N, C-alpha and C. Protein backbone atom coordinates (compact mmCIF):
# COMPACT_ATOMS: atom_id res chain seq x y z
N MET A 1 -23.33 98.11 -52.21
CA MET A 1 -23.60 96.67 -52.31
C MET A 1 -24.47 96.25 -51.19
N ASP A 2 -25.45 95.42 -51.49
CA ASP A 2 -26.30 94.94 -50.42
C ASP A 2 -25.77 93.66 -49.86
N ILE A 3 -26.36 93.17 -48.84
CA ILE A 3 -25.87 91.99 -48.10
C ILE A 3 -25.92 90.70 -48.95
N VAL A 4 -26.93 90.60 -49.82
CA VAL A 4 -27.09 89.40 -50.63
C VAL A 4 -25.89 89.29 -51.60
N SER A 5 -25.53 90.35 -52.25
CA SER A 5 -24.44 90.29 -53.17
C SER A 5 -23.12 90.02 -52.48
N LEU A 6 -22.97 90.54 -51.26
CA LEU A 6 -21.74 90.28 -50.49
C LEU A 6 -21.71 88.80 -50.05
N LEU A 7 -22.81 88.26 -49.67
CA LEU A 7 -22.86 86.85 -49.28
C LEU A 7 -22.61 85.91 -50.48
N LEU A 8 -23.13 86.31 -51.64
CA LEU A 8 -22.83 85.52 -52.89
C LEU A 8 -21.35 85.61 -53.26
N GLU A 9 -20.82 86.74 -53.09
CA GLU A 9 -19.41 86.94 -53.44
C GLU A 9 -18.51 86.10 -52.49
N ALA A 10 -18.95 86.14 -51.19
CA ALA A 10 -18.16 85.35 -50.21
C ALA A 10 -18.25 83.86 -50.40
N ALA A 11 -19.47 83.42 -50.80
CA ALA A 11 -19.67 81.99 -51.11
C ALA A 11 -18.87 81.56 -52.29
N ASN A 12 -18.86 82.45 -53.32
CA ASN A 12 -18.12 82.10 -54.47
C ASN A 12 -16.59 82.08 -54.24
N LEU A 13 -16.14 82.95 -53.41
CA LEU A 13 -14.70 83.01 -53.08
C LEU A 13 -14.36 81.77 -52.20
N MET A 14 -15.21 81.40 -51.28
CA MET A 14 -14.99 80.23 -50.43
C MET A 14 -15.01 78.98 -51.29
N LEU A 15 -15.95 78.84 -52.23
CA LEU A 15 -16.01 77.67 -53.06
C LEU A 15 -14.81 77.59 -53.94
N THR A 16 -14.33 78.71 -54.47
CA THR A 16 -13.13 78.72 -55.36
C THR A 16 -11.90 78.27 -54.61
N GLY A 17 -11.80 78.75 -53.28
CA GLY A 17 -10.66 78.37 -52.50
C GLY A 17 -10.69 76.88 -52.14
N MET A 18 -11.83 76.39 -51.80
CA MET A 18 -11.93 74.99 -51.40
C MET A 18 -11.66 74.08 -52.62
N VAL A 19 -12.17 74.43 -53.81
CA VAL A 19 -11.85 73.63 -54.99
C VAL A 19 -10.39 73.69 -55.31
N GLY A 20 -9.76 74.87 -55.14
CA GLY A 20 -8.31 74.95 -55.38
C GLY A 20 -7.53 74.08 -54.40
N VAL A 21 -7.87 74.07 -53.19
CA VAL A 21 -7.15 73.27 -52.19
C VAL A 21 -7.37 71.77 -52.51
N PHE A 22 -8.61 71.36 -52.86
CA PHE A 22 -8.88 70.04 -53.16
C PHE A 22 -8.12 69.57 -54.42
N VAL A 23 -8.02 70.35 -55.42
CA VAL A 23 -7.27 70.01 -56.64
C VAL A 23 -5.78 69.90 -56.29
N PHE A 24 -5.28 70.82 -55.51
CA PHE A 24 -3.86 70.79 -55.14
C PHE A 24 -3.55 69.59 -54.37
N LEU A 25 -4.37 69.27 -53.37
CA LEU A 25 -4.07 68.01 -52.54
C LEU A 25 -4.22 66.76 -53.36
N SER A 26 -5.20 66.77 -54.33
CA SER A 26 -5.37 65.56 -55.20
C SER A 26 -4.11 65.36 -56.02
N ILE A 27 -3.59 66.42 -56.57
CA ILE A 27 -2.40 66.32 -57.42
C ILE A 27 -1.23 65.90 -56.53
N LEU A 28 -1.14 66.40 -55.37
CA LEU A 28 -0.07 66.04 -54.46
C LEU A 28 -0.11 64.55 -54.06
N ILE A 29 -1.29 64.03 -53.81
CA ILE A 29 -1.46 62.62 -53.49
C ILE A 29 -1.05 61.73 -54.67
N LEU A 30 -1.48 62.13 -55.89
CA LEU A 30 -1.11 61.35 -57.06
C LEU A 30 0.36 61.41 -57.31
N ALA A 31 0.96 62.52 -57.09
CA ALA A 31 2.42 62.63 -57.31
C ALA A 31 3.17 61.79 -56.31
N VAL A 32 2.76 61.73 -55.08
CA VAL A 32 3.43 60.93 -54.06
C VAL A 32 3.25 59.44 -54.41
N LYS A 33 2.05 59.05 -54.78
CA LYS A 33 1.86 57.67 -55.18
C LYS A 33 2.69 57.29 -56.33
N ASN A 34 2.76 58.13 -57.37
CA ASN A 34 3.57 57.76 -58.55
C ASN A 34 5.03 57.74 -58.16
N LEU A 35 5.54 58.61 -57.34
CA LEU A 35 6.92 58.55 -56.87
C LEU A 35 7.21 57.36 -56.11
N ALA A 36 6.28 56.86 -55.33
CA ALA A 36 6.43 55.59 -54.49
C ALA A 36 6.52 54.41 -55.48
N ARG A 37 5.66 54.47 -56.54
CA ARG A 37 5.75 53.35 -57.49
C ARG A 37 7.03 53.43 -58.28
N PHE A 38 7.51 54.62 -58.59
CA PHE A 38 8.74 54.78 -59.35
C PHE A 38 9.94 54.39 -58.54
N ALA A 39 9.91 54.55 -57.18
CA ALA A 39 10.99 54.25 -56.33
C ALA A 39 11.30 52.74 -56.26
N GLY A 40 10.29 51.93 -56.49
CA GLY A 40 10.47 50.45 -56.44
C GLY A 40 9.58 49.79 -55.45
N PRO A 41 9.74 48.52 -55.30
CA PRO A 41 8.91 47.82 -54.34
C PRO A 41 9.27 48.12 -52.95
N GLU A 42 8.35 47.96 -52.11
CA GLU A 42 8.59 48.21 -50.64
C GLU A 42 9.65 47.31 -50.13
N LEU A 43 10.48 47.75 -49.26
CA LEU A 43 11.50 46.91 -48.63
C LEU A 43 10.91 46.32 -47.41
N THR A 44 11.12 44.97 -47.22
CA THR A 44 10.61 44.39 -46.07
C THR A 44 11.79 44.21 -45.05
N CYS A 45 11.51 44.28 -43.81
CA CYS A 45 12.51 44.15 -42.81
C CYS A 45 12.54 42.74 -42.36
N ASP A 46 13.55 41.96 -42.77
CA ASP A 46 13.67 40.56 -42.34
C ASP A 46 14.59 40.46 -41.19
N THR A 47 14.12 40.10 -40.04
CA THR A 47 14.95 40.11 -38.82
C THR A 47 15.76 38.81 -38.76
N SER A 48 15.61 37.86 -39.57
CA SER A 48 16.38 36.63 -39.46
C SER A 48 17.82 36.86 -39.96
N ASP A 49 18.03 37.86 -40.82
CA ASP A 49 19.36 38.10 -41.38
C ASP A 49 20.25 38.86 -40.46
N ARG A 50 19.69 39.52 -39.47
CA ARG A 50 20.43 40.37 -38.56
C ARG A 50 21.01 39.52 -37.41
N ALA A 51 22.13 40.02 -36.86
CA ALA A 51 22.66 39.39 -35.70
C ALA A 51 21.85 39.76 -34.46
N PRO A 52 21.65 38.90 -33.56
CA PRO A 52 20.92 39.24 -32.34
C PRO A 52 21.59 40.37 -31.54
N SER A 53 20.89 41.31 -31.04
CA SER A 53 21.47 42.38 -30.32
C SER A 53 21.49 42.01 -28.80
N LYS A 54 22.46 42.58 -28.11
CA LYS A 54 22.57 42.27 -26.68
C LYS A 54 21.56 43.13 -25.93
N PRO A 55 20.93 42.55 -24.90
CA PRO A 55 19.99 43.36 -24.11
C PRO A 55 20.75 44.44 -23.36
N SER A 56 20.07 45.55 -23.14
CA SER A 56 20.62 46.63 -22.40
C SER A 56 20.83 46.30 -20.94
N THR A 57 21.90 46.60 -20.40
CA THR A 57 22.13 46.24 -18.91
C THR A 57 21.86 47.48 -18.04
N GLY A 58 21.53 48.56 -18.58
CA GLY A 58 21.21 49.76 -17.80
C GLY A 58 22.38 50.68 -17.70
N VAL A 59 22.32 51.59 -16.82
CA VAL A 59 23.33 52.62 -16.67
C VAL A 59 24.49 52.07 -15.75
N PRO A 60 25.70 52.19 -16.19
CA PRO A 60 26.80 51.73 -15.41
C PRO A 60 26.88 52.40 -14.00
N SER A 61 27.31 51.64 -12.99
CA SER A 61 27.30 52.23 -11.62
C SER A 61 28.34 53.38 -11.56
N ASP A 62 29.36 53.38 -12.40
CA ASP A 62 30.37 54.48 -12.43
C ASP A 62 29.61 55.81 -12.82
N HIS A 63 28.78 55.67 -13.78
CA HIS A 63 28.04 56.90 -14.22
C HIS A 63 27.11 57.40 -13.16
N ILE A 64 26.43 56.47 -12.52
CA ILE A 64 25.52 56.90 -11.43
C ILE A 64 26.23 57.59 -10.34
N ALA A 65 27.45 57.03 -9.99
CA ALA A 65 28.26 57.64 -8.92
C ALA A 65 28.70 59.03 -9.31
N ALA A 66 29.12 59.23 -10.55
CA ALA A 66 29.65 60.48 -11.02
C ALA A 66 28.47 61.55 -11.06
N ILE A 67 27.31 61.15 -11.45
CA ILE A 67 26.12 62.01 -11.51
C ILE A 67 25.74 62.41 -10.06
N SER A 68 25.77 61.46 -9.20
CA SER A 68 25.35 61.75 -7.79
C SER A 68 26.37 62.71 -7.15
N ALA A 69 27.66 62.53 -7.46
CA ALA A 69 28.68 63.42 -6.87
C ALA A 69 28.46 64.80 -7.48
N ALA A 70 28.19 64.95 -8.76
CA ALA A 70 28.03 66.25 -9.37
C ALA A 70 26.81 66.92 -8.76
N ILE A 71 25.73 66.25 -8.53
CA ILE A 71 24.57 66.82 -7.97
C ILE A 71 24.80 67.25 -6.54
N ALA A 72 25.51 66.46 -5.75
CA ALA A 72 25.85 66.82 -4.37
C ALA A 72 26.74 68.07 -4.36
N GLN A 73 27.70 68.14 -5.25
CA GLN A 73 28.61 69.26 -5.33
C GLN A 73 27.81 70.49 -5.70
N HIS A 74 26.89 70.38 -6.65
CA HIS A 74 26.08 71.55 -7.06
C HIS A 74 25.20 72.06 -5.90
N ARG A 75 24.67 71.20 -5.16
CA ARG A 75 23.78 71.58 -4.06
C ARG A 75 24.53 72.24 -2.92
N THR A 76 25.82 71.87 -2.70
CA THR A 76 26.58 72.49 -1.67
C THR A 76 27.08 73.83 -2.03
N LYS A 77 27.15 74.19 -3.31
CA LYS A 77 27.64 75.47 -3.75
C LYS A 77 26.62 76.62 -3.41
N LYS A 78 25.40 76.28 -3.29
CA LYS A 78 24.31 77.31 -3.09
C LYS A 78 24.36 77.89 -1.72
């Protein structure tokens, strides 16, 4: 086989692969869109129905003290 026939075969194989991937992805996109339409309308998040959440106060001082003691104990073992 000469180089021209090899290049033509490679181009044909590349084009076939690219078309196959394009068709597969197109079918996948259509399937996802149809499933989304089948699932129903989009749910909106209405924050007025929820109870207000308490703001975070941070890490309790007991936890900080326990972590500091554990680190100090670990460092003294070495």
